[in-house]
Amino acid sequence: MKALGLEHATLNDCVQEARQGRLVITRKGNPVALIIGIDEEQMELGSDGSFWQLIENRREENGISREELERALESV
């Protein structure tokens, strides 16, 4: 993850860096923003109501806790 100082950042620089990965914008050395690039598929999924309905349905299903998952993975 790359960091770029706000005093040196231009919108074009931020977009270019975010296309490669996550970009942290800093002000006086402290993080103030995170920019994450997205692709066309992510945009399409994010605006598709049926995708979000699928997510909502999955969240309502019973699952296992993170602790249970970690225990299961430790035994592998």
N, C-alpha and C. Protein backbone atom coordinates (compact mmCIF):
# COMPACT_ATOMS: atom_id res chain seq x y z
N MET A 1 0.85 -1.16 0.00
CA MET A 1 0.00 0.00 0.00
C MET A 1 0.90 1.23 0.00
N LYS A 2 0.65 2.12 -0.92
CA LYS A 2 1.47 3.31 -1.06
C LYS A 2 0.83 4.47 -0.30
N ALA A 3 1.66 5.39 0.18
CA ALA A 3 1.18 6.60 0.85
C ALA A 3 1.63 7.81 0.06
N LEU A 4 0.79 8.83 0.05
CA LEU A 4 1.08 10.06 -0.66
C LEU A 4 0.63 11.23 0.20
N GLY A 5 1.52 12.20 0.40
CA GLY A 5 1.18 13.37 1.20
C GLY A 5 0.18 14.26 0.48
N LEU A 6 -0.80 14.74 1.21
CA LEU A 6 -1.85 15.58 0.64
C LEU A 6 -1.27 16.81 -0.05
N GLU A 7 -0.20 17.35 0.50
CA GLU A 7 0.40 18.55 -0.08
C GLU A 7 1.02 18.27 -1.45
N HIS A 8 1.28 17.00 -1.75
CA HIS A 8 1.88 16.63 -3.04
C HIS A 8 0.89 15.93 -3.97
N ALA A 9 -0.29 15.62 -3.47
CA ALA A 9 -1.24 14.81 -4.22
C ALA A 9 -2.04 15.64 -5.22
N THR A 10 -2.15 15.12 -6.42
CA THR A 10 -3.09 15.66 -7.40
C THR A 10 -4.12 14.57 -7.65
N LEU A 11 -5.28 14.95 -8.13
CA LEU A 11 -6.30 13.95 -8.41
C LEU A 11 -5.80 12.91 -9.40
N ASN A 12 -5.10 13.36 -10.41
CA ASN A 12 -4.57 12.44 -11.41
C ASN A 12 -3.59 11.44 -10.78
N ASP A 13 -2.70 11.92 -9.91
CA ASP A 13 -1.76 11.03 -9.23
C ASP A 13 -2.51 9.99 -8.39
N CYS A 14 -3.54 10.44 -7.69
CA CYS A 14 -4.31 9.54 -6.83
C CYS A 14 -5.00 8.46 -7.64
N VAL A 15 -5.61 8.85 -8.75
CA VAL A 15 -6.29 7.88 -9.61
C VAL A 15 -5.30 6.87 -10.17
N GLN A 16 -4.17 7.35 -10.63
CA GLN A 16 -3.16 6.45 -11.20
C GLN A 16 -2.67 5.45 -10.15
N GLU A 17 -2.40 5.91 -8.96
CA GLU A 17 -1.92 5.02 -7.90
C GLU A 17 -3.00 4.04 -7.46
N ALA A 18 -4.25 4.52 -7.36
CA ALA A 18 -5.34 3.66 -6.90
C ALA A 18 -5.64 2.55 -7.90
N ARG A 19 -5.33 2.76 -9.15
CA ARG A 19 -5.53 1.71 -10.15
C ARG A 19 -4.59 0.54 -9.91
N GLN A 20 -3.46 0.80 -9.27
CA GLN A 20 -2.46 -0.23 -8.98
C GLN A 20 -2.72 -0.91 -7.64
N GLY A 21 -3.44 -0.26 -6.75
CA GLY A 21 -3.68 -0.81 -5.42
C GLY A 21 -4.21 0.28 -4.51
N ARG A 22 -4.19 0.03 -3.25
CA ARG A 22 -4.70 1.00 -2.28
C ARG A 22 -3.71 2.15 -2.10
N LEU A 23 -4.27 3.32 -1.88
CA LEU A 23 -3.46 4.52 -1.70
C LEU A 23 -3.91 5.23 -0.43
N VAL A 24 -2.98 5.45 0.48
CA VAL A 24 -3.26 6.20 1.70
C VAL A 24 -2.83 7.64 1.48
N ILE A 25 -3.74 8.57 1.72
CA ILE A 25 -3.42 9.99 1.65
C ILE A 25 -3.11 10.45 3.07
N THR A 26 -1.99 11.14 3.23
CA THR A 26 -1.60 11.62 4.55
C THR A 26 -1.59 13.15 4.59
N ARG A 27 -1.80 13.67 5.79
CA ARG A 27 -1.67 15.11 6.04
C ARG A 27 -0.76 15.24 7.26
N LYS A 28 0.35 15.90 7.07
CA LYS A 28 1.35 16.06 8.14
C LYS A 28 1.76 14.71 8.71
N GLY A 29 1.87 13.72 7.82
CA GLY A 29 2.33 12.39 8.22
C GLY A 29 1.26 11.47 8.78
N ASN A 30 0.05 11.97 8.96
CA ASN A 30 -1.03 11.15 9.52
C ASN A 30 -2.01 10.74 8.42
N PRO A 31 -2.45 9.49 8.42
CA PRO A 31 -3.40 9.06 7.39
C PRO A 31 -4.74 9.77 7.54
N VAL A 32 -5.27 10.27 6.42
CA VAL A 32 -6.56 10.97 6.45
C VAL A 32 -7.57 10.39 5.46
N ALA A 33 -7.11 9.61 4.49
CA ALA A 33 -8.02 9.03 3.51
C ALA A 33 -7.39 7.78 2.91
N LEU A 34 -8.25 6.90 2.46
CA LEU A 34 -7.83 5.69 1.76
C LEU A 34 -8.57 5.66 0.43
N ILE A 35 -7.84 5.53 -0.65
CA ILE A 35 -8.44 5.46 -1.98
C ILE A 35 -8.18 4.07 -2.53
N ILE A 36 -9.25 3.41 -2.96
CA ILE A 36 -9.17 2.06 -3.49
C ILE A 36 -9.72 2.08 -4.91
N GLY A 37 -8.92 1.64 -5.85
CA GLY A 37 -9.38 1.57 -7.23
C GLY A 37 -10.41 0.45 -7.41
N ILE A 38 -11.31 0.63 -8.34
CA ILE A 38 -12.30 -0.39 -8.65
C ILE A 38 -12.30 -0.65 -10.15
N ASP A 39 -12.83 -1.79 -10.52
CA ASP A 39 -12.92 -2.09 -11.95
C ASP A 39 -14.38 -2.10 -12.39
N GLU A 40 -14.60 -2.27 -13.66
CA GLU A 40 -15.95 -2.20 -14.23
C GLU A 40 -16.88 -3.25 -13.63
N GLU A 41 -16.35 -4.45 -13.41
CA GLU A 41 -17.17 -5.52 -12.83
C GLU A 41 -17.66 -5.15 -11.43
N GLN A 42 -16.79 -4.55 -10.63
CA GLN A 42 -17.19 -4.13 -9.29
C GLN A 42 -18.29 -3.07 -9.36
N MET A 43 -18.18 -2.16 -10.31
CA MET A 43 -19.20 -1.13 -10.48
C MET A 43 -20.55 -1.75 -10.85
N GLU A 44 -20.51 -2.72 -11.77
CA GLU A 44 -21.74 -3.37 -12.20
C GLU A 44 -22.39 -4.13 -11.06
N LEU A 45 -21.59 -4.88 -10.30
CA LEU A 45 -22.14 -5.63 -9.17
C LEU A 45 -22.70 -4.69 -8.11
N GLY A 46 -22.00 -3.60 -7.85
CA GLY A 46 -22.44 -2.65 -6.83
C GLY A 46 -23.75 -1.98 -7.15
N SER A 47 -24.12 -1.93 -8.41
CA SER A 47 -25.38 -1.28 -8.79
C SER A 47 -26.47 -2.29 -9.15
N ASP A 48 -26.21 -3.58 -8.95
CA ASP A 48 -27.16 -4.63 -9.29
C ASP A 48 -27.95 -5.04 -8.04
N GLY A 49 -29.24 -4.75 -8.05
CA GLY A 49 -30.10 -5.06 -6.90
C GLY A 49 -30.13 -6.54 -6.56
N SER A 50 -30.09 -7.41 -7.57
CA SER A 50 -30.13 -8.85 -7.29
C SER A 50 -28.86 -9.31 -6.57
N PHE A 51 -27.74 -8.68 -6.87
CA PHE A 51 -26.49 -9.01 -6.16
C PHE A 51 -26.63 -8.68 -4.68
N TRP A 52 -27.16 -7.50 -4.37
CA TRP A 52 -27.31 -7.10 -2.97
C TRP A 52 -28.35 -7.95 -2.26
N GLN A 53 -29.38 -8.41 -2.98
CA GLN A 53 -30.35 -9.31 -2.38
C GLN A 53 -29.68 -10.64 -2.03
N LEU A 54 -28.82 -11.12 -2.90
CA LEU A 54 -28.06 -12.34 -2.63
C LEU A 54 -27.20 -12.17 -1.37
N ILE A 55 -26.54 -11.03 -1.25
CA ILE A 55 -25.73 -10.74 -0.06
C ILE A 55 -26.60 -10.72 1.19
N GLU A 56 -27.74 -10.05 1.11
CA GLU A 56 -28.65 -9.96 2.26
C GLU A 56 -29.14 -11.35 2.67
N ASN A 57 -29.51 -12.16 1.70
CA ASN A 57 -29.97 -13.53 2.01
C ASN A 57 -28.87 -14.33 2.69
N ARG A 58 -27.65 -14.19 2.22
CA ARG A 58 -26.53 -14.92 2.82
C ARG A 58 -26.28 -14.47 4.25
N ARG A 59 -26.43 -13.20 4.51
CA ARG A 59 -26.21 -12.68 5.87
C ARG A 59 -27.24 -13.22 6.85
N GLU A 60 -28.42 -13.54 6.36
CA GLU A 60 -29.48 -14.06 7.23
C GLU A 60 -29.30 -15.54 7.53
N GLU A 61 -28.47 -16.24 6.76
CA GLU A 61 -28.23 -17.66 7.00
C GLU A 61 -27.33 -17.84 8.21
N ASN A 62 -27.48 -19.01 8.84
CA ASN A 62 -26.60 -19.33 9.96
C ASN A 62 -25.21 -19.64 9.42
N GLY A 63 -24.23 -19.18 10.12
CA GLY A 63 -22.84 -19.42 9.72
C GLY A 63 -22.03 -19.78 10.95
N ILE A 64 -20.73 -19.77 10.80
CA ILE A 64 -19.87 -20.03 11.94
C ILE A 64 -19.12 -18.75 12.30
N SER A 65 -18.72 -18.68 13.54
CA SER A 65 -18.00 -17.50 14.01
C SER A 65 -16.57 -17.53 13.49
N ARG A 66 -15.92 -16.40 13.58
CA ARG A 66 -14.52 -16.33 13.16
C ARG A 66 -13.66 -17.28 14.00
N GLU A 67 -13.97 -17.35 15.31
CA GLU A 67 -13.21 -18.23 16.19
C GLU A 67 -13.36 -19.69 15.76
N GLU A 68 -14.59 -20.09 15.40
CA GLU A 68 -14.81 -21.46 14.94
C GLU A 68 -14.04 -21.74 13.65
N LEU A 69 -14.03 -20.77 12.76
CA LEU A 69 -13.30 -20.92 11.51
C LEU A 69 -11.80 -21.07 11.78
N GLU A 70 -11.27 -20.23 12.67
CA GLU A 70 -9.84 -20.31 12.98
C GLU A 70 -9.48 -21.65 13.60
N ARG A 71 -10.34 -22.17 14.49
CA ARG A 71 -10.08 -23.48 15.09
C ARG A 71 -10.09 -24.57 14.02
N ALA A 72 -11.04 -24.49 13.11
CA ALA A 72 -11.13 -25.49 12.05
C ALA A 72 -9.90 -25.44 11.15
N LEU A 73 -9.42 -24.25 10.86
CA LEU A 73 -8.24 -24.11 10.00
C LEU A 73 -6.97 -24.57 10.69
N GLU A 74 -6.90 -24.41 12.01
CA GLU A 74 -5.72 -24.86 12.75
C GLU A 74 -5.57 -26.37 12.69
N SER A 75 -6.68 -27.09 12.59
CA SER A 75 -6.62 -28.55 12.58
C SER A 75 -6.32 -29.12 11.20
N VAL A 76 -6.20 -28.26 10.21
CA VAL A 76 -5.92 -28.73 8.84
C VAL A 76 -4.44 -28.90 8.63
